[in-house]
């Protein structure tokens, strides 16, 4: 709330009235604040909160206290709660210090870090999107895309990453295609098949693989796989950022030359 007060007092343009939402899962804390219990365990904190609320009210900013469901029983959150409790105890005992001043920028930085870690934890533990997860396990990673003039190629590449292309294998899985077999008749028309084996794309594939092989020649035992070609960050495969960029350019040229709707 202090950060909100500082931020709103510095804004040059504001709405006539605004709201600040405070989310809390502790019933006792909410009861203390709503009932203004100065006899609570932390009367100084309660008085401070009421003072800040008054300041915000004078600025035509209304504070809304929202009770949310607690997350007890969720393994990752229980660990976070335990570490937060230990950190608070260490501060009280003087083992570690905590800054008494928190700037708006610091608040944004902390919030960004919390959101990123929460997003990563959810991405790690989710049961869906595992094909994409295998290619892109870390959140907030930049994805190399082709030039804006190659918009359709970029869309096709993103569809490949999301395992949601117009190829027959994906279409059959989602119910928009009667068959999963490629027009070449050899096997399912999957992304891997089109990239590495379909006889209808032999010439374009040969150009792409020759280019990728030249790029990866320093990696003697490296196999050219679907993951190597598609993964937005191939550094885990031993490629440098520049080598990965060149591999993606070869892939984009291949996608542009293939006579298939991907």
Protein backbone atom coordinates (compact mmCIF):
# COMPACT_ATOMS: atom_id res chain seq x y z
CA UNK A 1 0.00 0.00 0.00
CA UNK A 2 2.92 2.32 0.65
CA UNK A 3 4.22 1.59 -2.85
CA UNK A 4 0.74 2.33 -4.26
CA UNK A 5 0.63 5.62 -2.34
CA UNK A 6 4.04 6.70 -3.66
CA UNK A 7 3.24 5.63 -7.20
CA UNK A 8 -0.17 7.33 -7.37
CA UNK A 9 1.13 10.55 -5.78
CA UNK A 10 3.74 10.76 -8.56
CA UNK A 11 1.34 10.11 -11.44
CA UNK A 12 0.76 13.20 -13.57
CA UNK A 13 -2.45 11.81 -15.09
CA UNK A 14 -5.01 9.88 -13.05
CA UNK A 15 -8.65 8.89 -13.08
CA UNK A 16 -11.07 10.83 -10.80
CA UNK A 17 -11.32 7.79 -8.54
CA UNK A 18 -9.17 4.65 -8.42
CA UNK A 19 -8.94 1.40 -6.47
CA UNK A 20 -6.08 -0.48 -4.87
CA UNK A 21 -6.72 -4.19 -4.36
CA UNK A 22 -5.07 -6.04 -1.48
CA UNK A 23 -5.26 -9.84 -1.65
CA UNK A 24 -4.90 -11.88 1.54
CA UNK A 25 -5.56 -15.50 2.52
CA UNK A 26 -5.26 -14.97 6.29
CA UNK A 27 -8.67 -14.68 7.99
CA UNK A 28 -7.22 -13.29 11.23
CA UNK A 29 -5.32 -10.55 9.40
CA UNK A 30 -8.43 -9.56 7.46
CA UNK A 31 -10.52 -9.54 10.67
CA UNK A 32 -7.96 -7.33 12.42
CA UNK A 33 -7.95 -4.81 9.59
CA UNK A 34 -11.71 -4.75 8.96
CA UNK A 35 -12.57 -4.49 12.66
CA UNK A 36 -9.63 -2.15 13.31
CA UNK A 37 -8.39 -4.20 16.27
CA UNK A 38 -5.65 -2.08 17.82
CA UNK A 39 -5.40 -4.78 20.49
CA UNK A 40 -4.23 -7.30 17.91
CA UNK A 41 -0.76 -8.89 17.92
CA UNK A 42 0.62 -6.07 15.76
CA UNK A 43 -1.18 -2.82 16.73
CA UNK A 44 1.55 -0.68 15.18
CA UNK A 45 1.06 -2.33 11.80
CA UNK A 46 -2.73 -1.91 12.06
CA UNK A 47 -2.40 1.81 12.87
CA UNK A 48 0.07 2.22 10.01
CA UNK A 49 -2.30 0.52 7.56
CA UNK A 50 -5.18 2.74 8.68
CA UNK A 51 -3.00 5.82 8.23
CA UNK A 52 -2.06 4.77 4.68
CA UNK A 53 -5.71 4.02 3.93
CA UNK A 54 -6.62 7.54 5.03
CA UNK A 55 -3.93 9.03 2.78
CA UNK A 56 -5.23 7.04 -0.18
CA UNK A 57 -8.82 8.05 0.60
CA UNK A 58 -7.80 11.73 0.54
CA UNK A 59 -6.34 11.03 -2.94
CA UNK A 60 -9.71 9.54 -4.03
CA UNK A 61 -8.18 6.08 -4.01
CA UNK A 62 -10.23 3.34 -2.38
CA UNK A 63 -8.69 0.23 -0.86
CA UNK A 64 -10.47 -3.07 -1.45
CA UNK A 65 -9.43 -6.01 0.70
CA UNK A 66 -10.03 -9.33 -1.05
CA UNK A 67 -9.91 -12.72 0.67
CA UNK A 68 -8.38 -15.42 -1.52
CA UNK A 69 -8.12 -19.17 -1.04
CA UNK A 70 -5.03 -20.33 0.80
CA UNK A 71 -2.61 -22.70 -0.89
CA UNK A 72 -1.78 -25.00 1.99
CA UNK A 73 -1.05 -28.53 0.81
CA UNK A 74 0.55 -27.50 -2.47
CA UNK A 75 4.13 -28.76 -2.22
CA UNK A 76 5.87 -25.86 -3.99
CA UNK A 77 3.90 -23.21 -2.12
CA UNK A 78 4.46 -24.92 1.23
CA UNK A 79 8.21 -24.72 0.59
CA UNK A 80 7.87 -21.03 -0.30
CA UNK A 81 5.88 -20.39 2.91
CA UNK A 82 8.49 -22.18 5.01
CA UNK A 83 11.36 -20.20 3.50
CA UNK A 84 9.45 -16.93 3.89
CA UNK A 85 8.79 -17.76 7.57
CA UNK A 86 12.46 -18.59 8.17
CA UNK A 87 13.54 -15.35 6.46
CA UNK A 88 11.15 -13.33 8.64
CA UNK A 89 12.49 -15.04 11.78
CA UNK A 90 16.08 -14.32 10.73
CA UNK A 91 15.23 -10.64 10.21
CA UNK A 92 13.66 -10.45 13.68
CA UNK A 93 16.73 -12.09 15.24
CA UNK A 94 19.07 -9.71 13.44
CA UNK A 95 20.76 -12.44 11.41
CA UNK A 96 19.89 -10.71 8.15
CA UNK A 97 18.85 -7.17 7.33
CA UNK A 98 15.90 -5.97 5.30
CA UNK A 99 15.59 -2.58 3.65
CA UNK A 100 13.04 -0.28 5.26
CA UNK A 101 12.46 1.54 1.98
CA UNK A 102 10.91 -0.11 -1.06
CA UNK A 103 10.79 1.97 -4.23
CA UNK A 104 8.19 1.57 -6.96
CA UNK A 105 10.91 0.13 -9.21
CA UNK A 106 11.85 -2.39 -6.50
CA UNK A 107 8.19 -3.35 -6.19
CA UNK A 108 7.90 -3.95 -9.91
CA UNK A 109 11.13 -5.99 -9.90
CA UNK A 110 9.95 -8.18 -7.03
CA UNK A 111 6.53 -8.67 -8.63
CA UNK A 112 8.12 -9.58 -11.96
CA UNK A 113 10.39 -12.13 -10.29
CA UNK A 114 7.47 -13.70 -8.39
CA UNK A 115 5.34 -13.90 -11.53
CA UNK A 116 8.16 -15.45 -13.55
CA UNK A 117 8.86 -18.09 -10.89
CA UNK A 118 5.15 -18.88 -10.51
CA UNK A 119 4.76 -19.18 -14.27
CA UNK A 120 7.81 -21.44 -14.50
CA UNK A 121 6.56 -23.66 -11.67
CA UNK A 122 3.16 -24.02 -13.33
CA UNK A 123 4.81 -24.77 -16.69
CA UNK A 124 7.01 -27.42 -15.05
CA UNK A 125 4.11 -29.13 -13.26
CA UNK A 126 1.40 -28.87 -15.92
CA UNK A 127 0.17 -32.04 -17.62
CA UNK A 128 -0.61 -30.43 -20.98
CA UNK A 129 1.60 -28.84 -23.63
CA UNK A 130 4.42 -31.33 -23.01
CA UNK A 131 5.48 -31.37 -26.66
CA UNK A 132 6.06 -27.62 -26.48
CA UNK A 133 7.64 -27.97 -23.03
CA UNK A 134 10.25 -30.39 -24.40
CA UNK A 135 11.20 -27.77 -27.00
CA UNK A 136 10.88 -24.73 -24.74
CA UNK A 137 11.19 -25.72 -21.04
CA UNK A 138 12.05 -22.24 -19.75
CA UNK A 139 9.52 -19.41 -19.74
CA UNK A 140 10.39 -15.88 -20.89
CA UNK A 141 12.75 -17.15 -23.58
CA UNK A 142 12.97 -15.17 -26.81
CA UNK A 143 11.99 -17.07 -29.94
CA UNK A 144 13.87 -16.41 -33.20
CA UNK A 145 11.36 -15.55 -35.93
CA UNK A 146 11.86 -14.85 -39.64
CA UNK A 147 11.73 -11.36 -41.14
CA UNK A 148 8.30 -9.64 -41.07
CA UNK A 149 8.06 -10.15 -44.84
CA UNK A 150 7.89 -13.91 -44.13
CA UNK A 151 4.86 -13.68 -41.86
CA UNK A 152 3.33 -16.97 -43.02
CA UNK A 153 6.60 -18.81 -42.33
CA UNK A 154 6.68 -17.39 -38.81
CA UNK A 155 3.10 -18.52 -38.21
CA UNK A 156 3.93 -22.03 -39.46
CA UNK A 157 6.98 -22.19 -37.19
CA UNK A 158 4.91 -21.15 -34.16
CA UNK A 159 2.31 -23.79 -35.06
CA UNK A 160 5.09 -26.38 -35.10
CA UNK A 161 6.22 -25.32 -31.64
CA UNK A 162 2.66 -25.53 -30.32
CA UNK A 163 2.00 -28.95 -31.89
CA UNK A 164 -1.01 -27.48 -33.66
CA UNK A 165 -0.28 -27.45 -37.40
CA UNK A 166 -2.47 -28.07 -40.43
CA UNK A 167 -0.54 -31.28 -41.15
CA UNK A 168 -2.67 -34.43 -41.28
CA UNK A 169 -1.31 -36.01 -38.10
CA UNK A 170 -2.34 -32.99 -36.03
CA UNK A 171 -5.56 -32.63 -38.02
CA UNK A 172 -6.52 -36.25 -37.42
CA UNK A 173 -5.77 -35.86 -33.70
CA UNK A 174 -8.01 -32.77 -33.45
CA UNK A 175 -10.74 -34.19 -35.70
CA UNK A 176 -10.38 -31.95 -38.76
CA UNK A 177 -8.75 -34.58 -40.99
CA UNK A 178 -10.08 -38.00 -42.00
CA UNK A 179 -6.59 -39.54 -42.13
CA UNK A 180 -3.21 -38.95 -40.53
CA UNK A 181 -1.25 -40.44 -43.46
CA UNK A 182 0.89 -38.13 -45.59
CA UNK A 183 0.14 -37.77 -49.30
CA UNK A 184 3.45 -39.54 -49.96
CA UNK A 185 1.81 -42.66 -48.50
CA UNK A 186 4.78 -43.61 -46.34
CA UNK A 187 3.71 -42.67 -42.81
CA UNK A 188 1.86 -40.15 -40.68
CA UNK A 189 2.21 -36.56 -41.85
CA UNK A 190 3.80 -35.26 -38.65
CA UNK A 191 6.21 -32.35 -38.23
CA UNK A 192 9.10 -34.80 -37.82
CA UNK A 193 8.09 -36.65 -41.01
CA UNK A 194 7.92 -33.45 -43.07
CA UNK A 195 11.21 -32.12 -41.71
CA UNK A 196 13.28 -35.30 -41.94
CA UNK A 197 11.75 -38.01 -44.14
CA UNK A 198 8.95 -37.07 -46.56
CA UNK A 199 10.02 -37.92 -50.11
CA UNK A 200 7.98 -35.00 -51.49
CA UNK A 201 10.41 -32.53 -49.90
CA UNK A 202 13.69 -34.26 -50.73
CA UNK A 203 15.33 -31.38 -52.58
CA UNK A 204 14.39 -28.69 -50.07
CA UNK A 205 15.39 -30.96 -47.19
CA UNK A 206 18.76 -31.69 -48.77
CA UNK A 207 19.52 -27.97 -48.95
CA UNK A 208 18.45 -27.45 -45.32
CA UNK A 209 20.36 -30.42 -43.93
CA UNK A 210 23.54 -29.53 -45.86
CA UNK A 211 23.35 -26.03 -44.41
CA UNK A 212 22.73 -27.28 -40.86
CA UNK A 213 25.50 -29.88 -41.20
CA UNK A 214 27.98 -27.17 -42.21
CA UNK A 215 26.90 -25.09 -39.20
CA UNK A 216 27.21 -28.04 -36.82
CA UNK A 217 30.42 -29.47 -38.24
CA UNK A 218 32.27 -28.58 -35.03
CA UNK A 219 29.94 -30.98 -33.22
CA UNK A 220 31.16 -34.26 -34.74
CA UNK A 221 28.57 -36.58 -33.18
CA UNK A 222 25.56 -34.26 -33.33
CA UNK A 223 22.44 -35.75 -34.90
CA UNK A 224 20.10 -33.48 -36.81
CA UNK A 225 16.77 -34.04 -35.09
CA UNK A 226 13.34 -32.45 -34.93
CA UNK A 227 14.31 -30.89 -31.58
CA UNK A 228 17.56 -29.44 -32.94
CA UNK A 229 15.71 -27.78 -35.82
CA UNK A 230 12.71 -26.50 -33.85
CA UNK A 231 13.89 -25.71 -30.31
CA UNK A 232 14.06 -21.89 -29.88
CA UNK A 233 17.19 -22.25 -27.77
CA UNK A 234 19.53 -24.98 -29.04
CA UNK A 235 22.37 -24.08 -26.67
CA UNK A 236 21.46 -27.22 -24.74
CA UNK A 237 22.54 -29.10 -27.87
CA UNK A 238 25.94 -27.44 -27.82
CA UNK A 239 25.19 -24.73 -30.42
CA UNK A 240 26.14 -21.12 -29.93
CA UNK A 241 23.49 -18.41 -30.29
CA UNK A 242 24.84 -17.49 -33.73
CA UNK A 243 24.88 -21.13 -34.90
CA UNK A 244 21.32 -21.58 -33.68
CA UNK A 245 20.25 -18.46 -35.60
CA UNK A 246 21.76 -19.83 -38.82
CA UNK A 247 20.00 -23.18 -38.24
CA UNK A 248 16.70 -21.36 -37.87
CA UNK A 249 17.30 -19.44 -41.10
CA UNK A 250 17.84 -22.77 -42.90
CA UNK A 251 14.63 -24.10 -41.31
CA UNK A 252 12.65 -21.02 -42.36
CA UNK A 253 13.90 -21.37 -45.95
CA UNK A 254 12.76 -25.00 -45.90
CA UNK A 255 9.29 -24.10 -44.57
CA UNK A 256 8.94 -21.42 -47.26
CA UNK A 257 9.85 -23.86 -50.05
CA UNK A 258 7.66 -26.78 -48.95
CA UNK A 259 4.40 -27.14 -50.88
CA UNK A 260 2.36 -27.93 -47.78
CA UNK A 261 0.11 -25.90 -45.54
CA UNK A 262 1.75 -26.02 -42.15
